[in-house]
């Protein structure tokens, strides 16, 4: 992901995750990106966006049960 999108910053964490900061072109764009990345990504901040991403994942999981 870090090679494919313009990032504001990137930091390798002790647990092996890479924290990136990016400016999204909009919420819909970010939701599509998160769907492509799947469990390899998670939103940390802002909390309301993290909750929106979680809700989207739950809705999609319900469709495929």
PDB file of N, CA and C in Angstrom:
ATOM      1  N   UNK A   1       0.820  -1.180   0.000  1.00  0.00           N
ATOM      2  CA  UNK A   1       0.000   0.000   0.000  1.00  0.00           C
ATOM      3  C   UNK A   1       0.866   1.247   0.000  1.00  0.00           C
ATOM      4  N   UNK A   2       1.929   1.227   0.797  1.00  0.00           N
ATOM      5  CA  UNK A   2       2.774   2.411   0.921  1.00  0.00           C
ATOM      6  C   UNK A   2       3.423   2.789  -0.410  1.00  0.00           C
ATOM      7  N   UNK A   3       3.630   1.815  -1.291  1.00  0.00           N
ATOM      8  CA  UNK A   3       4.245   2.100  -2.581  1.00  0.00           C
ATOM      9  C   UNK A   3       3.239   2.625  -3.601  1.00  0.00           C
ATOM     10  N   UNK A   4       1.950   2.439  -3.338  1.00  0.00           N
ATOM     11  CA  UNK A   4       0.924   2.748  -4.336  1.00  0.00           C
ATOM     12  C   UNK A   4       0.199   4.070  -4.130  1.00  0.00           C
ATOM     13  N   UNK A   5       0.330   4.663  -2.965  1.00  0.00           N
ATOM     14  CA  UNK A   5      -0.434   5.875  -2.647  1.00  0.00           C
ATOM     15  C   UNK A   5       0.496   6.934  -2.066  1.00  0.00           C
ATOM     16  N   UNK A   6       0.221   8.210  -2.359  1.00  0.00           N
ATOM     17  CA  UNK A   6       1.051   9.271  -1.781  1.00  0.00           C
ATOM     18  C   UNK A   6       0.767   9.407  -0.286  1.00  0.00           C
ATOM     19  N   UNK A   7       1.778   9.211   0.514  1.00  0.00           N
ATOM     20  CA  UNK A   7       1.634   9.239   1.969  1.00  0.00           C
ATOM     21  C   UNK A   7       2.200  10.518   2.542  1.00  0.00           C
ATOM     22  N   UNK A   8       1.590  10.969   3.623  1.00  0.00           N
ATOM     23  CA  UNK A   8       2.138  12.108   4.363  1.00  0.00           C
ATOM     24  C   UNK A   8       3.306  11.649   5.222  1.00  0.00           C
ATOM     25  N   UNK A   9       3.176  10.444   5.804  1.00  0.00           N
ATOM     26  CA  UNK A   9       4.264   9.877   6.597  1.00  0.00           C
ATOM     27  C   UNK A   9       4.086   8.377   6.697  1.00  0.00           C
ATOM     28  N   UNK A  10       5.167   7.715   7.092  1.00  0.00           N
ATOM     29  CA  UNK A  10       5.175   6.266   7.238  1.00  0.00           C
ATOM     30  C   UNK A  10       6.110   5.912   8.391  1.00  0.00           C
ATOM     31  N   UNK A  11       5.684   4.974   9.232  1.00  0.00           N
ATOM     32  CA  UNK A  11       6.476   4.592  10.412  1.00  0.00           C
ATOM     33  C   UNK A  11       6.322   3.085  10.634  1.00  0.00           C
ATOM     34  N   UNK A  12       7.431   2.374  10.749  1.00  0.00           N
ATOM     35  CA  UNK A  12       7.394   0.951  11.044  1.00  0.00           C
ATOM     36  C   UNK A  12       7.325   0.788  12.558  1.00  0.00           C
ATOM     37  N   UNK A  13       6.299   0.074  13.026  1.00  0.00           N
ATOM     38  CA  UNK A  13       6.073  -0.107  14.454  1.00  0.00           C
ATOM     39  C   UNK A  13       6.778  -1.368  14.961  1.00  0.00           C
ATOM     40  N   UNK A  14       6.957  -1.451  16.253  1.00  0.00           N
ATOM     41  CA  UNK A  14       7.661  -2.574  16.876  1.00  0.00           C
ATOM     42  C   UNK A  14       6.974  -3.913  16.611  1.00  0.00           C
ATOM     43  N   UNK A  15       5.660  -3.900  16.446  1.00  0.00           N
ATOM     44  CA  UNK A  15       4.924  -5.153  16.228  1.00  0.00           C
ATOM     45  C   UNK A  15       4.885  -5.581  14.762  1.00  0.00           C
ATOM     46  N   UNK A  16       5.599  -4.853  13.887  1.00  0.00           N
ATOM     47  CA  UNK A  16       5.673  -5.211  12.481  1.00  0.00           C
ATOM     48  C   UNK A  16       4.686  -4.475  11.583  1.00  0.00           C
ATOM     49  N   UNK A  17       3.665  -3.845  12.161  1.00  0.00           N
ATOM     50  CA  UNK A  17       2.721  -3.057  11.375  1.00  0.00           C
ATOM     51  C   UNK A  17       3.425  -1.807  10.874  1.00  0.00           C
ATOM     52  N   UNK A  18       2.905  -1.224   9.828  1.00  0.00           N
ATOM     53  CA  UNK A  18       3.403   0.051   9.321  1.00  0.00           C
ATOM     54  C   UNK A  18       2.277   1.065   9.467  1.00  0.00           C
ATOM     55  N   UNK A  19       2.548   2.128  10.197  1.00  0.00           N
ATOM     56  CA  UNK A  19       1.561   3.197  10.371  1.00  0.00           C
ATOM     57  C   UNK A  19       1.797   4.228   9.273  1.00  0.00           C
ATOM     58  N   UNK A  20       0.742   4.510   8.529  1.00  0.00           N
ATOM     59  CA  UNK A  20       0.836   5.525   7.481  1.00  0.00           C
ATOM     60  C   UNK A  20      -0.200   6.602   7.739  1.00  0.00           C
ATOM     61  N   UNK A  21       0.122   7.790   7.348  1.00  0.00           N
ATOM     62  CA  UNK A  21      -0.815   8.914   7.377  1.00  0.00           C
ATOM     63  C   UNK A  21      -1.007   9.326   5.934  1.00  0.00           C
ATOM     64  N   UNK A  22      -2.267   9.384   5.534  1.00  0.00           N
ATOM     65  CA  UNK A  22      -2.560   9.828   4.180  1.00  0.00           C
ATOM     66  C   UNK A  22      -3.804  10.693   4.191  1.00  0.00           C
ATOM     67  N   UNK A  23      -3.907  11.512   3.180  1.00  0.00           N
ATOM     68  CA  UNK A  23      -5.092  12.337   3.013  1.00  0.00           C
ATOM     69  C   UNK A  23      -5.944  11.667   1.956  1.00  0.00           C
ATOM     70  N   UNK A  24      -7.140  11.265   2.347  1.00  0.00           N
ATOM     71  CA  UNK A  24      -8.042  10.571   1.429  1.00  0.00           C
ATOM     72  C   UNK A  24      -8.804  11.573   0.587  1.00  0.00           C
ATOM     73  N   UNK A  25      -9.137  11.164  -0.622  1.00  0.00           N
ATOM     74  CA  UNK A  25      -9.910  12.005  -1.526  1.00  0.00           C
ATOM     75  C   UNK A  25     -11.376  12.085  -1.144  1.00  0.00           C
ATOM     76  N   UNK A  26     -11.760  11.356  -0.134  1.00  0.00           N
ATOM     77  CA  UNK A  26     -13.142  11.325   0.330  1.00  0.00           C
ATOM     78  C   UNK A  26     -13.390  10.029   1.071  1.00  0.00           C
ATOM     79  N   UNK A  27     -14.485   9.987   1.791  1.00  0.00           N
ATOM     80  CA  UNK A  27     -14.799   8.811   2.597  1.00  0.00           C
ATOM     81  C   UNK A  27     -15.044   7.592   1.723  1.00  0.00           C
ATOM     82  N   UNK A  28     -15.745   7.755   0.608  1.00  0.00           N
ATOM     83  CA  UNK A  28     -16.023   6.623  -0.277  1.00  0.00           C
ATOM     84  C   UNK A  28     -14.723   6.031  -0.819  1.00  0.00           C
ATOM     85  N   UNK A  29     -13.777   6.885  -1.188  1.00  0.00           N
ATOM     86  CA  UNK A  29     -12.478   6.417  -1.680  1.00  0.00           C
ATOM     87  C   UNK A  29     -11.762   5.617  -0.609  1.00  0.00           C
ATOM     88  N   UNK A  30     -11.767   6.127   0.603  1.00  0.00           N
ATOM     89  CA  UNK A  30     -11.094   5.441   1.703  1.00  0.00           C
ATOM     90  C   UNK A  30     -11.768   4.107   2.009  1.00  0.00           C
ATOM     91  N   UNK A  31     -13.084   4.051   1.959  1.00  0.00           N
ATOM     92  CA  UNK A  31     -13.786   2.788   2.200  1.00  0.00           C
ATOM     93  C   UNK A  31     -13.397   1.746   1.155  1.00  0.00           C
ATOM     94  N   UNK A  32     -13.302   2.146  -0.105  1.00  0.00           N
ATOM     95  CA  UNK A  32     -12.884   1.213  -1.157  1.00  0.00           C
ATOM     96  C   UNK A  32     -11.467   0.721  -0.912  1.00  0.00           C
ATOM     97  N   UNK A  33     -10.588   1.617  -0.509  1.00  0.00           N
ATOM     98  CA  UNK A  33      -9.212   1.229  -0.211  1.00  0.00           C
ATOM     99  C   UNK A  33      -9.181   0.222   0.933  1.00  0.00           C
ATOM    100  N   UNK A  34      -9.934   0.480   1.985  1.00  0.00           N
ATOM    101  CA  UNK A  34      -9.960  -0.432   3.128  1.00  0.00           C
ATOM    102  C   UNK A  34     -10.509  -1.802   2.737  1.00  0.00           C
ATOM    103  N   UNK A  35     -11.499  -1.832   1.865  1.00  0.00           N
ATOM    104  CA  UNK A  35     -12.031  -3.111   1.401  1.00  0.00           C
ATOM    105  C   UNK A  35     -10.976  -3.886   0.618  1.00  0.00           C
ATOM    106  N   UNK A  36     -10.196  -3.194  -0.201  1.00  0.00           N
ATOM    107  CA  UNK A  36      -9.127  -3.862  -0.954  1.00  0.00           C
ATOM    108  C   UNK A  36      -8.047  -4.399  -0.012  1.00  0.00           C
ATOM    109  N   UNK A  37      -7.722  -3.657   1.016  1.00  0.00           N
ATOM    110  CA  UNK A  37      -6.653  -4.062   1.926  1.00  0.00           C
ATOM    111  C   UNK A  37      -7.102  -5.122   2.928  1.00  0.00           C
ATOM    112  N   UNK A  38      -8.401  -5.165   3.212  1.00  0.00           N
ATOM    113  CA  UNK A  38      -8.940  -6.183   4.117  1.00  0.00           C
ATOM    114  C   UNK A  38      -8.315  -6.123   5.505  1.00  0.00           C
ATOM    115  N   UNK A  39      -8.026  -7.292   6.088  1.00  0.00           N
ATOM    116  CA  UNK A  39      -7.509  -7.327   7.456  1.00  0.00           C
ATOM    117  C   UNK A  39      -6.063  -6.846   7.579  1.00  0.00           C
ATOM    118  N   UNK A  40      -5.460  -6.489   6.450  1.00  0.00           N
ATOM    119  CA  UNK A  40      -4.092  -5.977   6.498  1.00  0.00           C
ATOM    120  C   UNK A  40      -4.040  -4.489   6.811  1.00  0.00           C
ATOM    121  N   UNK A  41      -5.210  -3.891   7.038  1.00  0.00           N
ATOM    122  CA  UNK A  41      -5.270  -2.461   7.351  1.00  0.00           C
ATOM    123  C   UNK A  41      -6.303  -2.213   8.426  1.00  0.00           C
ATOM    124  N   UNK A  42      -6.080  -1.169   9.174  1.00  0.00           N
ATOM    125  CA  UNK A  42      -7.088  -0.724  10.146  1.00  0.00           C
ATOM    126  C   UNK A  42      -6.956   0.779  10.315  1.00  0.00           C
ATOM    127  N   UNK A  43      -8.097   1.410  10.546  1.00  0.00           N
ATOM    128  CA  UNK A  43      -8.124   2.855  10.769  1.00  0.00           C
ATOM    129  C   UNK A  43      -7.896   3.097  12.253  1.00  0.00           C
ATOM    130  N   UNK A  44      -6.969   3.971  12.562  1.00  0.00           N
ATOM    131  CA  UNK A  44      -6.674   4.287  13.959  1.00  0.00           C
ATOM    132  C   UNK A  44      -7.355   5.593  14.357  1.00  0.00           C
ATOM    133  N   UNK A  45      -7.198   6.614  13.548  1.00  0.00           N
ATOM    134  CA  UNK A  45      -7.822   7.900  13.813  1.00  0.00           C
ATOM    135  C   UNK A  45      -8.355   8.468  12.506  1.00  0.00           C
ATOM    136  N   UNK A  46      -9.340   9.259  12.530  1.00  0.00           N
ATOM    137  CA  UNK A  46     -10.146   9.654  13.682  1.00  0.00           C
ATOM    138  C   UNK A  46     -11.089   8.520  14.090  1.00  0.00           C
ATOM    139  N   UNK A  47     -11.508   8.497  15.358  1.00  0.00           N
ATOM    140  CA  UNK A  47     -12.352   7.405  15.863  1.00  0.00           C
ATOM    141  C   UNK A  47     -13.647   7.208  15.081  1.00  0.00           C
ATOM    142  N   UNK A  48     -14.250   8.307  14.620  1.00  0.00           N
ATOM    143  CA  UNK A  48     -15.510   8.159  13.881  1.00  0.00           C
ATOM    144  C   UNK A  48     -15.288   7.471  12.532  1.00  0.00           C
ATOM    145  N   UNK A  49     -14.139   7.665  11.937  1.00  0.00           N
ATOM    146  CA  UNK A  49     -13.830   6.980  10.694  1.00  0.00           C
ATOM    147  C   UNK A  49     -13.509   5.510  10.955  1.00  0.00           C
ATOM    148  N   UNK A  50     -12.842   5.243  12.054  1.00  0.00           N
ATOM    149  CA  UNK A  50     -12.570   3.851  12.442  1.00  0.00           C
ATOM    150  C   UNK A  50     -13.887   3.111  12.655  1.00  0.00           C
ATOM    151  N   UNK A  51     -14.845   3.743  13.298  1.00  0.00           N
ATOM    152  CA  UNK A  51     -16.158   3.124  13.531  1.00  0.00           C
ATOM    153  C   UNK A  51     -16.897   2.915  12.209  1.00  0.00           C
ATOM    154  N   UNK A  52     -16.805   3.870  11.318  1.00  0.00           N
ATOM    155  CA  UNK A  52     -17.462   3.735  10.016  1.00  0.00           C
ATOM    156  C   UNK A  52     -16.868   2.559   9.232  1.00  0.00           C
ATOM    157  N   UNK A  53     -15.558   2.393   9.286  1.00  0.00           N
ATOM    158  CA  UNK A  53     -14.901   1.274   8.611  1.00  0.00           C
ATOM    159  C   UNK A  53     -15.333  -0.052   9.226  1.00  0.00           C
ATOM    160  N   UNK A  54     -15.440  -0.106  10.546  1.00  0.00           N
ATOM    161  CA  UNK A  54     -15.880  -1.320  11.227  1.00  0.00           C
ATOM    162  C   UNK A  54     -17.308  -1.666  10.825  1.00  0.00           C
ATOM    163  N   UNK A  55     -18.178  -0.666  10.778  1.00  0.00           N
ATOM    164  CA  UNK A  55     -19.577  -0.890  10.404  1.00  0.00           C
ATOM    165  C   UNK A  55     -19.686  -1.392   8.964  1.00  0.00           C
ATOM    166  N   UNK A  56     -18.877  -0.851   8.074  1.00  0.00           N
ATOM    167  CA  UNK A  56     -18.872  -1.298   6.685  1.00  0.00           C
ATOM    168  C   UNK A  56     -18.455  -2.763   6.604  1.00  0.00           C
ATOM    169  N   UNK A  57     -17.421  -3.138   7.318  1.00  0.00           N
ATOM    170  CA  UNK A  57     -16.969  -4.530   7.323  1.00  0.00           C
ATOM    171  C   UNK A  57     -18.056  -5.453   7.866  1.00  0.00           C
ATOM    172  N   UNK A  58     -18.753  -5.035   8.900  1.00  0.00           N
ATOM    173  CA  UNK A  58     -19.839  -5.849   9.469  1.00  0.00           C
ATOM    174  C   UNK A  58     -20.984  -6.016   8.474  1.00  0.00           C
ATOM    175  N   UNK A  59     -21.346  -4.938   7.766  1.00  0.00           N
ATOM    176  CA  UNK A  59     -22.419  -5.033   6.764  1.00  0.00           C
ATOM    177  C   UNK A  59     -22.046  -6.015   5.652  1.00  0.00           C
ATOM    178  N   UNK A  60     -20.803  -5.938   5.205  1.00  0.00           N
ATOM    179  CA  UNK A  60     -20.382  -6.847   4.149  1.00  0.00           C
ATOM    180  C   UNK A  60     -20.323  -8.295   4.631  1.00  0.00           C
ATOM    181  N   UNK A  61     -19.882  -8.509   5.850  1.00  0.00           N
ATOM    182  CA  UNK A  61     -19.835  -9.862   6.398  1.00  0.00           C
ATOM    183  C   UNK A  61     -21.242 -10.460   6.480  1.00  0.00           C
ATOM    184  N   UNK A  62     -22.233  -9.639   6.818  1.00  0.00           N
ATOM    185  CA  UNK A  62     -23.617 -10.098   6.884  1.00  0.00           C
ATOM    186  C   UNK A  62     -24.112 -10.554   5.509  1.00  0.00           C
ATOM    187  N   UNK A  63     -23.714  -9.867   4.465  1.00  0.00           N
ATOM    188  CA  UNK A  63     -24.152 -10.229   3.117  1.00  0.00           C
ATOM    189  C   UNK A  63     -23.643 -11.597   2.690  1.00  0.00           C
ATOM    190  N   UNK A  64     -22.470 -11.977   3.164  1.00  0.00           N
ATOM    191  CA  UNK A  64     -21.834 -13.203   2.695  1.00  0.00           C
ATOM    192  C   UNK A  64     -21.972 -14.375   3.648  1.00  0.00           C
ATOM    193  N   UNK A  65     -22.859 -14.266   4.614  1.00  0.00           N
ATOM    194  CA  UNK A  65     -23.086 -15.390   5.535  1.00  0.00           C
ATOM    195  C   UNK A  65     -23.993 -16.386   4.934  1.00  0.00           C
TER     196      UNK A  65
END
